[in-house]
Amino acid sequence: MAQDFRLPDLGEGLPEAELVQWLVAVGDTVALNQTIAEVETAKAVVELPSPHAGTVTALHAAPGDVVAVGSVLISFDTGAGAPAPAPDATVSRSAEAASSASASAAPASEPNLVGYGAAPRSAGRPQRRARVAGTVAAASDTAVLEAAPHDAIQFADVVERAVERPRSTPPVRKLAKQLGVDLALVEATGASGVITRADVEAYAERVGAVTVTPAAAESAEPVERFELPRPDDAGARTTRTPIRGVRRMTAEAMVRSAFTAPHVTTFLTVDVTATSELIASLRADRALQEHRIGVMAVAAKAVCLALARHPGLNSKWDDAAGEIVEHHYVNLGIAAATGRGLVVPNIRDAQELTLVELADAIRGLAETARSGRTAPADMMGGTFSITNVGVFGVDAGTPIINPGEAGILALGAVRRQPWEHRGEIALRDVMTLALSFDHRLVDGEQGSRFLVDVADILREPGRAMLLR
């Protein structure tokens, strides 16, 4: 029995997602809930589980394609007796542009959430049909068309006749995309005519150029590729990268924040030698060595304690309701720089955690973010954020507030330098703190007092014992 799986609403209200990579290929047998693909939304990379157990008959998008929510993503044969699929049904972006598309009646329903199965069939929704190039197919291709199901076949780019897409694995296709290599031009040396990683690397080394097929060059819709310098064009001066996914979302959020919330930034340089000594003693404790407690964890604890005394920094401006919402909990955002852009997952109810628990939570969020596995829900509902620019050797900056929050604290680099200490000059560990806050919610006095409270704890961690 044939089943189509449509790209579901991933729980974020976003209209589309970019296909990062397929983890299955046409002809593979998959189990229920097996991960079949990775897609990137404007917030995170999400793994898609299979809603069916069966054989993959068609892949309706290629890595790099932007797929609308509700569009057919993959087709399955869930029972015996179904016709065999075409050798490879992956659709390339250039093939989409070169072919003529038409639609017929197909199921209509709202896309469902991941893990809840494919959308039920009903009438009234356009259904994907096979795309045939404008030139006449050879006799062998016509036979394939007649033998296979109409919806299971997708034709690749053609010049003089319809041709089969080169066979390769998802990692190899991803490598080819990164190197700007057209797989149709690569000679396969693998078993059964499969293109290997070595084939792609050898071709890239031999020609060293971004190849665009003639059909793609003539199409009305340009093919988006990275513009890489060529050996015979060493003067190439630009590289173009599509603005998508997390980077687009981050840019839009920062612009919205910068031009909506009136930012004020205040700075304070503080002697954190006592905090450095505390961290060194905790790391020397064998029972705590695996927890990797650092200045970020101590600062997070200090922020949680200071927010309890200054609730204005833990509030939200609700313009639609005409209200200021004061939170009685702290969902602490931790800014993490990743290859896909800046993400700010948050630690839920951070005020309830010990220093060790905060260190573990920060480490877990950072590792997940850098691997691109942060769940969209983990980046929602933050109330205050911290960013550590000190890891890049920067002393201070003016951080932009995460939308929906009242403030963000930037930690500068800890530097050993001469500093006044007990009436004398001594070498001390010194750090600059930068607090940006929404002036609609917090005035200068409140922001300054909050920053001083955080600095006092970092200056003398024992003072935390006096706060609640």
Protein backbone atom coordinates (compact mmCIF):
# COMPACT_ATOMS: atom_id res chain seq x y z
CA MET A 1 0.00 0.00 0.00
CA ALA A 2 1.42 3.38 -1.02
CA GLN A 3 1.71 6.06 1.66
CA ASP A 4 2.94 9.66 1.39
CA PHE A 5 4.47 11.53 4.31
CA ARG A 6 4.01 15.30 4.18
CA LEU A 7 6.31 17.72 5.96
CA PRO A 8 4.51 18.37 9.26
CA ASP A 9 4.19 21.55 11.27
CA LEU A 10 7.16 21.18 13.60
CA GLY A 11 5.39 22.94 16.43
CA GLU A 12 6.78 26.40 15.69
CA GLY A 13 4.18 27.81 13.29
CA LEU A 14 6.85 28.09 10.57
CA PRO A 15 5.72 27.67 6.93
CA GLU A 16 8.76 25.82 5.60
CA ALA A 17 11.97 23.96 6.40
CA GLU A 18 15.20 23.23 4.56
CA LEU A 19 16.12 19.58 3.99
CA VAL A 20 19.60 19.09 5.45
CA GLN A 21 20.12 15.45 4.54
CA TRP A 22 18.37 12.17 3.90
CA LEU A 23 19.23 9.29 6.21
CA VAL A 24 17.49 6.78 3.94
CA ALA A 25 17.49 6.11 0.20
CA VAL A 26 15.01 4.76 -2.32
CA GLY A 27 14.66 1.03 -1.80
CA ASP A 28 15.58 1.09 1.89
CA THR A 29 13.36 -0.71 4.36
CA VAL A 30 12.59 1.48 7.36
CA ALA A 31 11.00 0.79 10.73
CA LEU A 32 8.31 2.82 12.44
CA ASN A 33 9.82 5.93 14.09
CA GLN A 34 13.22 5.36 12.46
CA THR A 35 14.89 8.71 11.71
CA ILE A 36 14.61 9.29 7.97
CA ALA A 37 15.82 12.86 7.49
CA GLU A 38 17.12 16.02 9.09
CA VAL A 39 15.46 19.35 8.35
CA GLU A 40 16.46 22.82 9.46
CA THR A 41 13.83 25.34 10.44
CA ALA A 42 14.43 28.94 11.38
CA LYS A 43 15.24 27.76 14.89
CA ALA A 44 16.98 24.38 14.88
CA VAL A 45 17.86 21.18 13.06
CA VAL A 46 15.11 18.62 13.66
CA GLU A 47 15.16 14.86 13.06
CA LEU A 48 12.08 13.47 11.34
CA PRO A 49 10.91 9.99 12.42
CA SER A 50 9.21 7.70 9.93
CA PRO A 51 5.43 7.49 10.42
CA HIS A 52 5.35 4.15 8.57
CA ALA A 53 7.19 0.85 8.43
CA GLY A 54 7.91 -0.19 4.88
CA THR A 55 10.03 0.44 1.80
CA VAL A 56 10.99 3.90 0.58
CA THR A 57 9.66 4.36 -2.97
CA ALA A 58 10.36 8.05 -3.60
CA LEU A 59 12.18 11.03 -2.11
CA HIS A 60 10.48 14.25 -3.19
CA ALA A 61 13.23 16.71 -2.28
CA ALA A 62 16.99 16.94 -2.33
CA PRO A 63 19.34 18.23 0.38
CA GLY A 64 19.30 22.01 0.28
CA ASP A 65 15.71 22.25 -0.96
CA VAL A 66 13.28 24.41 0.99
CA VAL A 67 10.08 22.41 1.50
CA ALA A 68 6.74 23.96 2.39
CA VAL A 69 4.82 22.53 5.34
CA GLY A 70 2.23 20.13 3.96
CA SER A 71 4.24 19.17 0.86
CA VAL A 72 4.93 15.50 0.18
CA LEU A 73 8.41 14.71 1.45
CA ILE A 74 8.75 10.95 1.05
CA SER A 75 6.67 8.01 -0.19
CA PHE A 76 6.51 4.47 1.20
CA ASP A 77 5.24 1.07 0.17
CA THR A 78 3.81 -0.34 3.40
CA GLY A 79 2.59 -3.65 2.00
CA ALA A 80 3.50 -6.48 -0.35
CA GLY A 81 2.73 -6.46 -4.05
CA ALA A 82 3.45 -2.82 -4.82
CA PRO A 83 5.39 -2.02 -8.01
CA ALA A 84 9.11 -1.38 -7.66
CA PRO A 85 10.20 2.26 -7.46
CA ALA A 86 12.39 4.04 -9.91
CA PRO A 87 16.15 3.57 -9.33
CA ASP A 88 16.42 6.94 -7.59
CA ALA A 89 13.57 9.33 -7.05
CA THR A 90 15.45 12.21 -5.45
CA VAL A 91 14.58 15.52 -7.03
CA SER A 92 17.36 18.06 -7.56
CA ARG A 93 16.71 21.75 -7.52
CA SER A 94 17.92 22.10 -11.08
CA ALA A 95 15.53 19.34 -12.17
CA GLU A 96 12.68 21.21 -10.53
CA ALA A 97 13.56 24.31 -12.53
CA ALA A 98 14.10 22.51 -15.85
CA SER A 99 10.95 20.41 -15.79
CA SER A 100 7.36 21.44 -16.38
CA ALA A 101 5.07 20.88 -13.41
CA SER A 102 1.37 20.13 -13.32
CA ALA A 103 -0.95 19.18 -10.48
CA SER A 104 -3.89 16.81 -9.99
CA ALA A 105 -6.34 16.26 -7.16
CA ALA A 106 -4.80 14.89 -3.97
CA PRO A 107 -5.40 14.68 -0.24
CA ALA A 108 -6.14 17.82 1.74
CA SER A 109 -5.62 18.11 5.45
CA GLU A 110 -3.67 20.17 7.92
CA PRO A 111 -0.09 18.94 8.37
CA ASN A 112 0.30 16.94 11.53
CA LEU A 113 2.95 17.01 14.23
CA VAL A 114 6.07 14.87 14.07
CA GLY A 115 5.45 11.36 15.35
CA TYR A 116 1.68 11.40 14.76
CA GLY A 117 1.74 9.64 11.41
CA ALA A 118 1.09 10.89 7.91
CA ALA A 119 -1.69 13.31 7.18
CA PRO A 120 -5.00 11.53 6.36
CA ARG A 121 -6.13 11.56 2.74
CA SER A 122 -8.98 13.71 1.58
CA ALA A 123 -9.92 15.52 -1.61
CA GLY A 124 -9.05 18.97 -2.77
CA ARG A 125 -5.26 19.27 -2.35
CA PRO A 126 -2.79 19.36 -5.25
CA GLN A 127 -0.87 16.14 -5.60
CA ARG A 128 2.64 15.79 -6.97
CA ARG A 129 2.81 14.31 -10.44
CA ALA A 130 5.75 12.92 -12.33
CA ARG A 131 7.73 15.56 -14.13
CA VAL A 132 8.82 14.86 -17.69
CA ALA A 133 11.38 16.96 -19.54
CA GLY A 134 10.51 18.77 -22.73
CA THR A 135 12.59 16.39 -24.89
CA VAL A 136 11.52 12.92 -25.94
CA ALA A 137 12.65 10.08 -23.68
CA ALA A 138 14.48 7.09 -25.07
CA ALA A 139 12.62 3.79 -25.44
CA SER A 140 14.18 2.32 -22.30
CA ASP A 141 13.03 5.32 -20.24
CA THR A 142 9.50 5.01 -21.64
CA ALA A 143 9.43 1.40 -20.49
CA VAL A 144 10.37 2.45 -16.98
CA LEU A 145 7.62 5.08 -17.03
CA GLU A 146 5.03 2.49 -17.97
CA ALA A 147 6.23 -0.09 -15.45
CA ALA A 148 6.46 2.10 -12.34
CA PRO A 149 3.72 3.95 -10.41
CA HIS A 150 3.05 7.46 -11.73
CA ASP A 151 3.66 9.19 -8.38
CA ALA A 152 6.79 7.14 -7.58
CA ILE A 153 8.87 8.44 -10.51
CA GLN A 154 10.72 11.73 -10.51
CA PHE A 155 12.98 12.50 -13.48
CA ALA A 156 16.32 14.24 -13.08
CA ASP A 157 17.69 16.99 -15.23
CA VAL A 158 17.85 16.14 -18.93
CA VAL A 159 19.61 17.58 -21.92
CA GLU A 160 18.76 15.27 -24.82
CA ARG A 161 16.69 12.66 -22.98
CA ALA A 162 15.44 11.76 -19.54
CA VAL A 163 18.28 10.26 -17.50
CA GLU A 164 18.57 8.55 -14.14
CA ARG A 165 20.12 10.51 -11.29
CA PRO A 166 23.55 9.21 -10.26
CA ARG A 167 23.38 6.80 -7.32
CA SER A 168 25.08 7.87 -4.11
CA THR A 169 24.58 7.96 -0.36
CA PRO A 170 23.31 11.03 1.57
CA PRO A 171 26.77 11.85 3.04
CA VAL A 172 28.30 11.75 -0.44
CA ARG A 173 25.57 14.02 -1.83
CA LYS A 174 26.16 16.42 1.06
CA LEU A 175 29.92 16.44 0.33
CA ALA A 176 29.23 17.08 -3.35
CA LYS A 177 27.03 20.03 -2.47
CA GLN A 178 29.71 21.48 -0.17
CA LEU A 179 32.36 21.15 -2.90
CA GLY A 180 30.07 22.44 -5.64
CA VAL A 181 30.30 19.19 -7.60
CA ASP A 182 27.53 18.04 -9.96
CA LEU A 183 27.20 14.29 -9.34
CA ALA A 184 25.94 13.78 -12.90
CA LEU A 185 29.50 14.51 -14.10
CA VAL A 186 31.26 12.19 -11.65
CA GLU A 187 32.34 8.73 -12.76
CA ALA A 188 31.33 6.06 -10.26
CA THR A 189 33.84 3.45 -9.11
CA GLY A 190 31.82 1.93 -6.28
CA ALA A 191 29.97 -1.35 -6.32
CA SER A 192 26.86 -1.42 -8.57
CA GLY A 193 27.68 1.99 -9.96
CA VAL A 194 27.46 3.92 -6.68
CA ILE A 195 29.42 7.17 -6.48
CA THR A 196 31.78 7.14 -3.49
CA ARG A 197 33.32 9.91 -1.40
CA ALA A 198 36.67 9.28 -3.11
CA ASP A 199 35.03 9.76 -6.54
CA VAL A 200 33.68 13.17 -5.53
CA GLU A 201 36.97 14.30 -3.97
CA ALA A 202 38.94 13.14 -7.00
CA TYR A 203 36.64 15.00 -9.37
CA ALA A 204 36.75 18.18 -7.25
CA GLU A 205 40.54 18.05 -7.14
CA ARG A 206 40.73 17.50 -10.89
CA VAL A 207 38.43 20.33 -11.99
CA GLY A 208 38.17 22.44 -8.84
CA ALA A 209 35.16 24.35 -10.05
CA VAL A 210 31.50 24.88 -9.26
CA THR A 211 29.61 23.14 -12.07
CA VAL A 212 26.15 24.22 -13.18
CA THR A 213 24.26 21.96 -15.60
CA PRO A 214 23.01 23.49 -18.86
CA ALA A 215 19.39 22.94 -17.88
CA ALA A 216 19.95 24.76 -14.62
CA ALA A 217 21.67 27.63 -16.37
CA GLU A 218 18.75 28.05 -18.76
CA SER A 219 16.03 27.74 -16.14
CA ALA A 220 13.98 30.69 -14.97
CA GLU A 221 14.66 29.82 -11.32
CA PRO A 222 18.37 30.16 -10.44
CA VAL A 223 20.05 27.32 -8.59
CA GLU A 224 21.45 28.44 -5.23
CA ARG A 225 25.02 27.26 -4.76
CA PHE A 226 28.04 28.43 -2.83
CA GLU A 227 30.32 30.50 -5.03
CA LEU A 228 33.75 28.96 -4.55
CA PRO A 229 37.04 30.33 -5.89
CA ARG A 230 38.33 28.36 -8.88
CA PRO A 231 41.99 27.49 -9.54
CA ASP A 232 41.77 29.19 -12.97
CA ASP A 233 40.02 32.20 -11.40
CA ALA A 234 42.13 33.01 -8.38
CA GLY A 235 40.74 36.53 -8.39
CA ALA A 236 37.31 35.44 -7.17
CA ARG A 237 36.46 38.01 -4.51
CA THR A 238 33.10 36.98 -3.11
CA THR A 239 31.37 33.94 -1.66
CA ARG A 240 27.56 33.86 -1.54
CA THR A 241 25.76 31.94 1.19
CA PRO A 242 21.96 31.73 1.24
CA ILE A 243 20.44 33.42 4.31
CA ARG A 244 18.36 30.65 5.82
CA GLY A 245 17.46 28.77 8.93
CA VAL A 246 18.91 29.77 12.28
CA ARG A 247 20.94 32.65 10.86
CA ARG A 248 17.88 34.27 9.28
CA MET A 249 15.84 33.82 12.45
CA THR A 250 18.64 35.30 14.57
CA ALA A 251 18.99 38.31 12.28
CA GLU A 252 15.25 38.99 12.26
CA ALA A 253 15.00 38.62 16.04
CA MET A 254 17.95 40.94 16.69
CA VAL A 255 16.61 43.62 14.34
CA ARG A 256 13.18 43.37 15.94
CA SER A 257 14.71 43.66 19.41
CA ALA A 258 17.05 46.53 18.55
CA PHE A 259 14.28 48.64 17.00
CA THR A 260 11.52 47.73 19.48
CA ALA A 261 13.09 47.69 22.95
CA PRO A 262 15.01 50.87 23.90
CA HIS A 263 18.41 49.41 24.84
CA VAL A 264 20.60 50.79 27.59
CA THR A 265 23.98 49.21 28.34
CA THR A 266 25.96 49.74 31.52
CA PHE A 267 29.45 48.43 32.31
CA LEU A 268 31.27 47.45 35.47
CA THR A 269 34.79 46.07 35.87
CA VAL A 270 35.22 43.81 38.89
CA ASP A 271 37.97 41.90 40.70
CA VAL A 272 36.97 38.23 40.38
CA THR A 273 40.08 36.70 41.97
CA ALA A 274 38.01 35.07 44.73
CA THR A 275 35.75 33.48 42.10
CA SER A 276 38.81 32.17 40.22
CA GLU A 277 40.14 30.66 43.44
CA LEU A 278 36.76 29.09 44.20
CA ILE A 279 36.60 27.54 40.73
CA ALA A 280 40.17 26.21 41.09
CA SER A 281 39.35 24.59 44.43
CA LEU A 282 36.15 23.00 43.09
CA ARG A 283 37.96 21.62 40.05
CA ALA A 284 40.62 20.14 42.32
CA ASP A 285 37.92 18.20 44.19
CA ARG A 286 37.85 14.70 42.71
CA ALA A 287 34.15 14.39 43.38
CA LEU A 288 33.45 17.47 41.21
CA GLN A 289 36.02 17.13 38.43
CA GLU A 290 33.58 15.75 35.87
CA HIS A 291 31.23 18.71 36.29
CA ARG A 292 33.63 21.32 34.83
CA ILE A 293 32.47 24.24 36.94
CA GLY A 294 33.56 27.54 35.39
CA VAL A 295 32.97 31.27 35.59
CA MET A 296 29.82 30.94 33.48
CA ALA A 297 28.19 28.71 36.09
CA VAL A 298 29.14 31.06 38.93
CA ALA A 299 27.81 34.04 36.97
CA ALA A 300 24.58 32.14 36.26
CA LYS A 301 24.11 31.49 39.97
CA ALA A 302 24.83 35.15 40.73
CA VAL A 303 22.27 36.27 38.13
CA CYS A 304 19.58 34.02 39.58
CA LEU A 305 20.18 35.40 43.06
CA ALA A 306 20.24 39.02 41.84
CA LEU A 307 17.04 38.61 39.79
CA ALA A 308 15.19 37.64 42.96
CA ARG A 309 16.07 41.08 44.36
CA HIS A 310 15.41 42.95 41.11
CA PRO A 311 12.33 41.39 39.46
CA GLY A 312 12.14 44.16 36.88
CA LEU A 313 15.04 42.47 35.07
CA ASN A 314 12.99 39.26 34.99
CA SER A 315 9.92 40.77 33.34
CA LYS A 316 8.29 40.98 29.91
CA TRP A 317 6.68 43.91 28.09
CA ASP A 318 3.37 42.64 26.69
CA ASP A 319 2.44 45.34 24.22
CA ALA A 320 -0.68 43.57 22.95
CA ALA A 321 -2.18 43.23 26.44
CA GLY A 322 -0.82 46.55 27.67
CA GLU A 323 0.78 44.83 30.65
CA ILE A 324 4.14 44.18 32.27
CA VAL A 325 4.47 40.48 33.07
CA GLU A 326 6.74 39.76 36.03
CA HIS A 327 8.08 36.19 36.16
CA HIS A 328 8.47 34.36 39.46
CA TYR A 329 10.89 31.87 37.91
CA VAL A 330 14.07 32.17 35.87
CA ASN A 331 14.40 30.53 32.48
CA LEU A 332 18.03 31.45 31.97
CA GLY A 333 19.12 31.78 28.33
CA ILE A 334 22.68 30.74 27.47
CA ALA A 335 23.89 32.25 24.18
CA ALA A 336 25.86 29.73 22.12
CA ALA A 337 27.72 30.44 18.88
CA THR A 338 27.32 27.62 16.36
CA GLY A 339 28.20 27.03 12.74
CA ARG A 340 24.57 27.75 11.86
CA GLY A 341 24.40 31.01 13.80
CA LEU A 342 23.67 32.18 17.32
CA VAL A 343 21.15 30.20 19.36
CA VAL A 344 19.93 30.92 22.89
CA PRO A 345 18.51 27.81 24.56
CA ASN A 346 17.44 28.30 28.14
CA ILE A 347 17.69 26.45 31.44
CA ARG A 348 14.21 26.00 32.88
CA ASP A 349 13.71 27.10 36.50
CA ALA A 350 17.40 27.91 36.85
CA GLN A 351 16.74 29.53 40.23
CA GLU A 352 16.13 26.06 41.69
CA LEU A 353 19.51 24.63 40.63
CA THR A 354 22.72 24.37 42.60
CA LEU A 355 26.05 25.59 41.22
CA VAL A 356 26.96 22.06 40.13
CA GLU A 357 23.59 21.53 38.45
CA LEU A 358 23.90 24.85 36.62
CA ALA A 359 27.37 23.87 35.37
CA ASP A 360 26.02 20.57 34.03
CA ALA A 361 23.04 22.27 32.40
CA ILE A 362 25.20 24.91 30.70
CA ARG A 363 27.58 22.27 29.40
CA GLY A 364 24.69 20.17 28.07
CA LEU A 365 23.04 23.12 26.31
CA ALA A 366 26.31 24.17 24.70
CA GLU A 367 27.13 20.69 23.40
CA THR A 368 23.63 20.21 22.03
CA ALA A 369 23.65 23.62 20.36
CA ARG A 370 27.02 23.12 18.67
CA SER A 371 25.86 19.78 17.29
CA GLY A 372 22.78 21.48 15.85
CA ARG A 373 20.37 19.38 17.93
CA THR A 374 18.76 22.08 20.06
CA ALA A 375 15.01 21.49 20.19
CA PRO A 376 12.87 24.49 19.19
CA ALA A 377 11.04 24.32 22.53
CA ASP A 378 14.34 24.80 24.37
CA MET A 379 14.73 28.25 22.79
CA MET A 380 11.31 29.52 23.81
CA GLY A 381 10.14 31.10 27.04
CA GLY A 382 13.44 32.58 28.24
CA THR A 383 13.27 35.36 30.83
CA PHE A 384 16.90 36.59 31.02
CA SER A 385 20.09 35.68 29.13
CA ILE A 386 23.85 35.48 29.57
CA THR A 387 26.46 35.61 26.82
CA ASN A 388 30.15 34.91 27.38
CA VAL A 389 32.19 37.01 24.96
CA GLY A 390 35.26 36.45 27.11
CA VAL A 391 35.86 33.04 25.52
CA PHE A 392 36.83 34.94 22.35
CA GLY A 393 39.28 37.16 24.23
CA VAL A 394 36.93 40.15 24.21
CA ASP A 395 36.78 42.45 27.25
CA ALA A 396 33.29 43.89 26.76
CA GLY A 397 30.49 44.54 24.29
CA THR A 398 26.93 45.81 24.01
CA PRO A 399 24.76 42.69 23.79
CA ILE A 400 21.33 42.86 22.16
CA ILE A 401 18.43 41.71 24.32
CA ASN A 402 16.77 38.45 23.32
CA PRO A 403 13.21 39.32 22.18
CA GLY A 404 10.66 38.97 24.97
CA GLU A 405 13.21 39.44 27.76
CA ALA A 406 14.19 42.45 29.85
CA GLY A 407 17.96 42.09 29.94
CA ILE A 408 21.11 40.25 28.94
CA LEU A 409 24.49 40.10 30.71
CA ALA A 410 27.76 39.82 28.77
CA LEU A 411 30.81 38.35 30.52
CA GLY A 412 34.16 39.66 29.35
CA ALA A 413 37.51 37.91 29.44
CA VAL A 414 39.14 37.27 32.83
CA ARG A 415 42.52 38.99 32.71
CA ARG A 416 45.42 38.97 35.17
CA GLN A 417 46.42 42.61 35.62
CA PRO A 418 47.53 45.17 38.22
CA TRP A 419 44.64 46.19 40.43
CA GLU A 420 44.14 48.02 43.69
CA HIS A 421 43.68 45.50 46.49
CA ARG A 422 43.57 46.40 50.20
CA GLY A 423 45.36 49.69 49.66
CA GLU A 424 48.12 48.21 47.48
CA ILE A 425 48.70 47.35 43.83
CA ALA A 426 48.62 43.63 43.16
CA LEU A 427 48.07 41.26 40.24
CA ARG A 428 44.41 40.28 40.30
CA ASP A 429 41.90 38.51 38.05
CA VAL A 430 39.69 41.22 36.55
CA MET A 431 36.55 40.96 34.42
CA THR A 432 34.24 43.51 32.76
CA LEU A 433 30.49 42.93 32.93
CA ALA A 434 28.10 44.56 30.42
CA LEU A 435 24.37 44.65 31.10
CA SER A 436 21.88 45.63 28.39
CA PHE A 437 18.32 46.17 29.56
CA ASP A 438 14.96 47.31 28.19
CA HIS A 439 14.44 50.88 29.40
CA ARG A 440 10.66 50.43 29.18
CA LEU A 441 10.90 47.93 32.04
CA VAL A 442 14.01 48.99 33.92
CA ASP A 443 15.43 52.40 34.64
CA GLY A 444 19.09 53.23 35.15
CA GLU A 445 19.01 52.86 38.91
CA GLN A 446 17.47 49.39 38.84
CA GLY A 447 19.84 48.21 36.13
CA SER A 448 22.87 49.54 37.98
CA ARG A 449 21.86 48.00 41.31
CA PHE A 450 21.31 44.63 39.65
CA LEU A 451 24.74 44.77 38.01
CA VAL A 452 26.41 45.72 41.31
CA ASP A 453 24.73 42.77 43.05
CA VAL A 454 26.03 40.36 40.41
CA ALA A 455 29.50 41.92 40.64
CA ASP A 456 29.52 41.69 44.47
CA ILE A 457 28.88 37.93 44.28
CA LEU A 458 31.66 37.46 41.73
CA ARG A 459 33.98 39.62 43.83
CA GLU A 460 33.15 37.69 46.99
CA PRO A 461 31.31 34.42 46.24
CA GLY A 462 30.72 33.93 49.96
CA ARG A 463 28.23 36.82 49.84
CA ALA A 464 25.84 34.45 48.07
CA MET A 465 25.34 32.78 51.44
CA LEU A 466 23.66 35.99 52.63
CA LEU A 467 21.14 36.15 49.79
CA ARG A 468 17.96 34.28 49.10
